[in-house]
């Protein structure tokens, strides 16, 4: 029997986004505690609901949907670790 995966952390998401998207601005906020009792909450108050505020040269010339897809694709490994909800704010 395998051990359960650890819940994602803001630091882990931040490191992945830096590696993949080389952001010029980045803020990763764990908002899980604000969603206690909601679908996808794990009862710990962290690791399930995040907000990402990000700017990257890789977003230039792309639609908002394409920009968000880049962020989701970069964070895909965290979905298996309990990432349930992701709010994305593209900044300039």
N, C-alpha and C. Protein backbone atom coordinates (compact mmCIF):
# COMPACT_ATOMS: atom_id res chain seq x y z
N UNK A 1 0.85 -1.19 0.00
CA UNK A 1 0.00 0.00 0.00
C UNK A 1 0.89 1.24 0.00
N UNK A 2 0.64 2.16 -0.90
CA UNK A 2 1.47 3.36 -1.00
C UNK A 2 0.98 4.43 -0.04
N UNK A 3 1.91 5.25 0.39
CA UNK A 3 1.59 6.35 1.31
C UNK A 3 0.82 7.42 0.55
N UNK A 4 -0.11 8.11 1.22
CA UNK A 4 -0.83 9.20 0.54
C UNK A 4 0.13 10.31 0.16
N UNK A 5 -0.18 10.97 -0.93
CA UNK A 5 0.64 12.09 -1.37
C UNK A 5 0.45 13.27 -0.44
N UNK A 6 1.52 13.99 -0.20
CA UNK A 6 1.43 15.20 0.62
C UNK A 6 0.66 16.27 -0.14
N UNK A 7 -0.08 17.08 0.60
CA UNK A 7 -0.82 18.18 -0.02
C UNK A 7 0.16 19.18 -0.62
N UNK A 8 -0.20 19.77 -1.74
CA UNK A 8 0.66 20.79 -2.35
C UNK A 8 0.85 21.99 -1.42
N UNK A 9 1.96 22.66 -1.58
CA UNK A 9 2.23 23.88 -0.81
C UNK A 9 2.41 25.05 -1.77
N UNK A 10 2.22 26.26 -1.25
CA UNK A 10 2.43 27.46 -2.06
C UNK A 10 3.87 27.51 -2.55
N UNK A 11 4.82 27.12 -1.71
CA UNK A 11 6.22 27.13 -2.11
C UNK A 11 6.49 26.18 -3.27
N UNK A 12 5.87 25.00 -3.24
CA UNK A 12 6.08 24.03 -4.31
C UNK A 12 5.47 24.53 -5.62
N UNK A 13 4.27 25.11 -5.55
CA UNK A 13 3.65 25.68 -6.76
C UNK A 13 4.51 26.81 -7.31
N UNK A 14 4.98 27.67 -6.41
CA UNK A 14 5.82 28.81 -6.81
C UNK A 14 7.08 28.31 -7.53
N UNK A 15 7.75 27.32 -6.96
CA UNK A 15 8.98 26.81 -7.57
C UNK A 15 8.72 26.23 -8.96
N UNK A 16 7.62 25.52 -9.11
CA UNK A 16 7.28 24.93 -10.41
C UNK A 16 6.99 26.02 -11.44
N UNK A 17 6.24 27.04 -11.05
CA UNK A 17 5.93 28.13 -11.98
C UNK A 17 7.19 28.89 -12.38
N UNK A 18 8.09 29.11 -11.44
CA UNK A 18 9.36 29.78 -11.75
C UNK A 18 10.14 28.96 -12.77
N UNK A 19 10.21 27.64 -12.55
CA UNK A 19 10.96 26.76 -13.45
C UNK A 19 10.37 26.72 -14.85
N UNK A 20 9.04 26.69 -14.94
CA UNK A 20 8.39 26.47 -16.23
C UNK A 20 8.10 27.78 -16.98
N UNK A 21 7.64 28.80 -16.26
CA UNK A 21 7.16 30.02 -16.93
C UNK A 21 8.05 31.24 -16.73
N UNK A 22 9.09 31.15 -15.91
CA UNK A 22 10.00 32.28 -15.67
C UNK A 22 9.23 33.59 -15.48
N UNK A 23 8.35 33.65 -14.49
CA UNK A 23 7.51 34.84 -14.34
C UNK A 23 8.31 36.08 -13.95
N UNK A 24 7.79 37.23 -14.41
CA UNK A 24 8.37 38.51 -14.01
C UNK A 24 7.70 39.02 -12.74
N UNK A 25 6.51 38.53 -12.47
CA UNK A 25 5.80 38.79 -11.21
C UNK A 25 5.12 37.49 -10.82
N UNK A 26 5.12 37.17 -9.52
CA UNK A 26 4.47 35.94 -9.08
C UNK A 26 4.08 36.03 -7.62
N UNK A 27 2.85 35.67 -7.36
CA UNK A 27 2.35 35.55 -6.00
C UNK A 27 1.48 34.30 -5.97
N UNK A 28 1.75 33.40 -5.03
CA UNK A 28 0.96 32.18 -4.87
C UNK A 28 0.40 32.21 -3.45
N UNK A 29 -0.93 32.15 -3.36
CA UNK A 29 -1.61 32.27 -2.07
C UNK A 29 -2.43 31.02 -1.83
N UNK A 30 -2.22 30.39 -0.69
CA UNK A 30 -3.03 29.23 -0.30
C UNK A 30 -4.29 29.76 0.38
N UNK A 31 -5.42 29.63 -0.29
CA UNK A 31 -6.70 30.12 0.22
C UNK A 31 -7.56 28.98 0.77
N UNK A 32 -6.95 27.85 1.03
CA UNK A 32 -7.68 26.65 1.45
C UNK A 32 -8.51 26.87 2.71
N UNK A 33 -7.98 27.59 3.67
CA UNK A 33 -8.70 27.81 4.92
C UNK A 33 -10.03 28.53 4.69
N UNK A 34 -10.09 29.34 3.65
CA UNK A 34 -11.32 30.07 3.32
C UNK A 34 -12.40 29.15 2.73
N UNK A 35 -12.02 27.92 2.40
CA UNK A 35 -12.93 26.99 1.74
C UNK A 35 -13.24 25.77 2.60
N UNK A 36 -13.01 25.87 3.89
CA UNK A 36 -13.30 24.76 4.80
C UNK A 36 -14.75 24.33 4.64
N UNK A 37 -14.96 23.03 4.54
CA UNK A 37 -16.31 22.49 4.39
C UNK A 37 -16.80 22.45 2.96
N UNK A 38 -16.06 23.05 2.03
CA UNK A 38 -16.45 23.03 0.62
C UNK A 38 -15.97 21.75 -0.04
N UNK A 39 -16.51 21.45 -1.20
CA UNK A 39 -16.05 20.32 -1.99
C UNK A 39 -14.56 20.50 -2.27
N UNK A 40 -13.81 19.44 -2.11
CA UNK A 40 -12.39 19.48 -2.40
C UNK A 40 -11.52 19.87 -1.22
N UNK A 41 -12.11 20.40 -0.15
CA UNK A 41 -11.33 20.74 1.04
C UNK A 41 -10.91 19.44 1.71
N UNK A 42 -9.71 19.42 2.26
CA UNK A 42 -9.20 18.19 2.85
C UNK A 42 -9.28 18.17 4.38
N UNK A 43 -9.85 19.20 4.98
CA UNK A 43 -9.99 19.24 6.42
C UNK A 43 -8.78 19.77 7.17
N UNK A 44 -7.69 20.06 6.47
CA UNK A 44 -6.49 20.58 7.13
C UNK A 44 -6.38 22.09 7.03
N UNK A 45 -7.11 22.70 6.10
CA UNK A 45 -7.03 24.14 5.92
C UNK A 45 -5.91 24.59 5.00
N UNK A 46 -5.24 23.63 4.35
CA UNK A 46 -4.20 24.02 3.38
C UNK A 46 -4.09 22.97 2.28
N UNK A 47 -3.51 23.42 1.15
CA UNK A 47 -3.15 22.49 0.09
C UNK A 47 -4.21 22.15 -0.93
N UNK A 48 -5.37 22.80 -0.91
CA UNK A 48 -6.42 22.44 -1.86
C UNK A 48 -6.87 23.58 -2.77
N UNK A 49 -6.86 24.80 -2.27
CA UNK A 49 -7.37 25.96 -3.02
C UNK A 49 -6.29 27.04 -3.05
N UNK A 50 -5.88 27.41 -4.26
CA UNK A 50 -4.81 28.39 -4.41
C UNK A 50 -5.22 29.51 -5.37
N UNK A 51 -4.61 30.67 -5.16
CA UNK A 51 -4.72 31.80 -6.08
C UNK A 51 -3.30 32.09 -6.57
N UNK A 52 -3.17 32.25 -7.90
CA UNK A 52 -1.88 32.57 -8.51
C UNK A 52 -2.03 33.90 -9.24
N UNK A 53 -1.20 34.85 -8.89
CA UNK A 53 -1.09 36.13 -9.61
C UNK A 53 0.25 36.09 -10.32
N UNK A 54 0.21 36.19 -11.65
CA UNK A 54 1.43 35.92 -12.40
C UNK A 54 1.51 36.78 -13.66
N UNK A 55 2.73 37.17 -13.99
CA UNK A 55 3.05 37.81 -15.27
C UNK A 55 4.24 37.06 -15.84
N UNK A 56 4.22 36.85 -17.14
CA UNK A 56 5.32 36.14 -17.80
C UNK A 56 5.40 36.58 -19.25
N UNK A 57 6.61 36.68 -19.76
CA UNK A 57 6.81 37.00 -21.18
C UNK A 57 6.20 35.91 -22.06
N UNK A 58 6.05 34.71 -21.53
CA UNK A 58 5.47 33.61 -22.30
C UNK A 58 3.98 33.82 -22.60
N UNK A 59 3.36 34.78 -21.93
CA UNK A 59 1.95 35.07 -22.16
C UNK A 59 1.73 36.03 -23.33
N UNK A 60 2.78 36.69 -23.77
CA UNK A 60 2.67 37.71 -24.82
C UNK A 60 2.02 37.14 -26.07
N UNK A 61 1.00 37.87 -26.56
CA UNK A 61 0.33 37.51 -27.80
C UNK A 61 -0.64 36.35 -27.69
N UNK A 62 -0.82 35.81 -26.48
CA UNK A 62 -1.74 34.69 -26.29
C UNK A 62 -3.06 35.17 -25.71
N UNK A 63 -4.11 34.45 -26.02
CA UNK A 63 -5.41 34.76 -25.44
C UNK A 63 -5.39 34.43 -23.95
N UNK A 64 -6.38 34.94 -23.25
CA UNK A 64 -6.48 34.65 -21.82
C UNK A 64 -6.61 33.14 -21.58
N UNK A 65 -7.36 32.47 -22.41
CA UNK A 65 -7.51 31.02 -22.26
C UNK A 65 -6.16 30.32 -22.44
N UNK A 66 -5.40 30.72 -23.43
CA UNK A 66 -4.08 30.13 -23.66
C UNK A 66 -3.12 30.44 -22.51
N UNK A 67 -3.20 31.64 -21.95
CA UNK A 67 -2.37 31.99 -20.80
C UNK A 67 -2.70 31.09 -19.61
N UNK A 68 -3.99 30.93 -19.34
CA UNK A 68 -4.42 30.08 -18.22
C UNK A 68 -4.00 28.63 -18.46
N UNK A 69 -4.09 28.18 -19.71
CA UNK A 69 -3.69 26.80 -20.02
C UNK A 69 -2.22 26.59 -19.69
N UNK A 70 -1.37 27.56 -19.97
CA UNK A 70 0.05 27.44 -19.62
C UNK A 70 0.24 27.25 -18.12
N UNK A 71 -0.52 27.99 -17.32
CA UNK A 71 -0.42 27.86 -15.86
C UNK A 71 -0.94 26.49 -15.43
N UNK A 72 -2.11 26.09 -15.92
CA UNK A 72 -2.65 24.77 -15.57
C UNK A 72 -1.71 23.65 -15.99
N UNK A 73 -1.14 23.73 -17.17
CA UNK A 73 -0.22 22.70 -17.63
C UNK A 73 1.01 22.62 -16.74
N UNK A 74 1.52 23.77 -16.32
CA UNK A 74 2.69 23.78 -15.43
C UNK A 74 2.38 23.14 -14.08
N UNK A 75 1.15 23.31 -13.61
CA UNK A 75 0.78 22.81 -12.28
C UNK A 75 0.08 21.46 -12.30
N UNK A 76 -0.02 20.83 -13.46
CA UNK A 76 -0.70 19.54 -13.58
C UNK A 76 -0.23 18.50 -12.56
N UNK A 77 1.07 18.38 -12.26
CA UNK A 77 1.48 17.36 -11.29
C UNK A 77 0.84 17.52 -9.90
N UNK A 78 0.43 18.72 -9.57
CA UNK A 78 -0.15 18.97 -8.26
C UNK A 78 -1.61 18.53 -8.16
N UNK A 79 -2.26 18.32 -9.28
CA UNK A 79 -3.65 17.86 -9.26
C UNK A 79 -3.76 16.51 -8.55
N UNK A 80 -2.80 15.63 -8.78
CA UNK A 80 -2.79 14.32 -8.12
C UNK A 80 -2.48 14.42 -6.63
N UNK A 81 -1.96 15.55 -6.21
CA UNK A 81 -1.61 15.75 -4.80
C UNK A 81 -2.72 16.46 -4.03
N UNK A 82 -3.85 16.69 -4.64
CA UNK A 82 -4.96 17.30 -3.92
C UNK A 82 -5.30 18.72 -4.31
N UNK A 83 -4.58 19.28 -5.28
CA UNK A 83 -4.95 20.61 -5.76
C UNK A 83 -6.33 20.52 -6.37
N UNK A 84 -7.27 21.22 -5.77
CA UNK A 84 -8.67 21.12 -6.19
C UNK A 84 -9.13 22.34 -6.97
N UNK A 85 -8.72 23.53 -6.53
CA UNK A 85 -9.19 24.76 -7.17
C UNK A 85 -8.03 25.72 -7.34
N UNK A 86 -8.02 26.38 -8.50
CA UNK A 86 -6.95 27.31 -8.82
C UNK A 86 -7.55 28.55 -9.44
N UNK A 87 -7.37 29.68 -8.78
CA UNK A 87 -7.79 30.98 -9.32
C UNK A 87 -6.54 31.61 -9.93
N UNK A 88 -6.65 32.04 -11.16
CA UNK A 88 -5.49 32.61 -11.86
C UNK A 88 -5.77 34.07 -12.23
N UNK A 89 -4.89 34.95 -11.80
CA UNK A 89 -4.94 36.36 -12.16
C UNK A 89 -3.70 36.66 -12.98
N UNK A 90 -3.89 36.94 -14.27
CA UNK A 90 -2.77 37.31 -15.13
C UNK A 90 -2.54 38.81 -14.96
N UNK A 91 -1.33 39.19 -14.60
CA UNK A 91 -0.99 40.58 -14.38
C UNK A 91 -0.01 41.03 -15.46
N UNK A 92 0.23 42.32 -15.50
CA UNK A 92 1.17 42.87 -16.47
C UNK A 92 2.36 43.47 -15.78
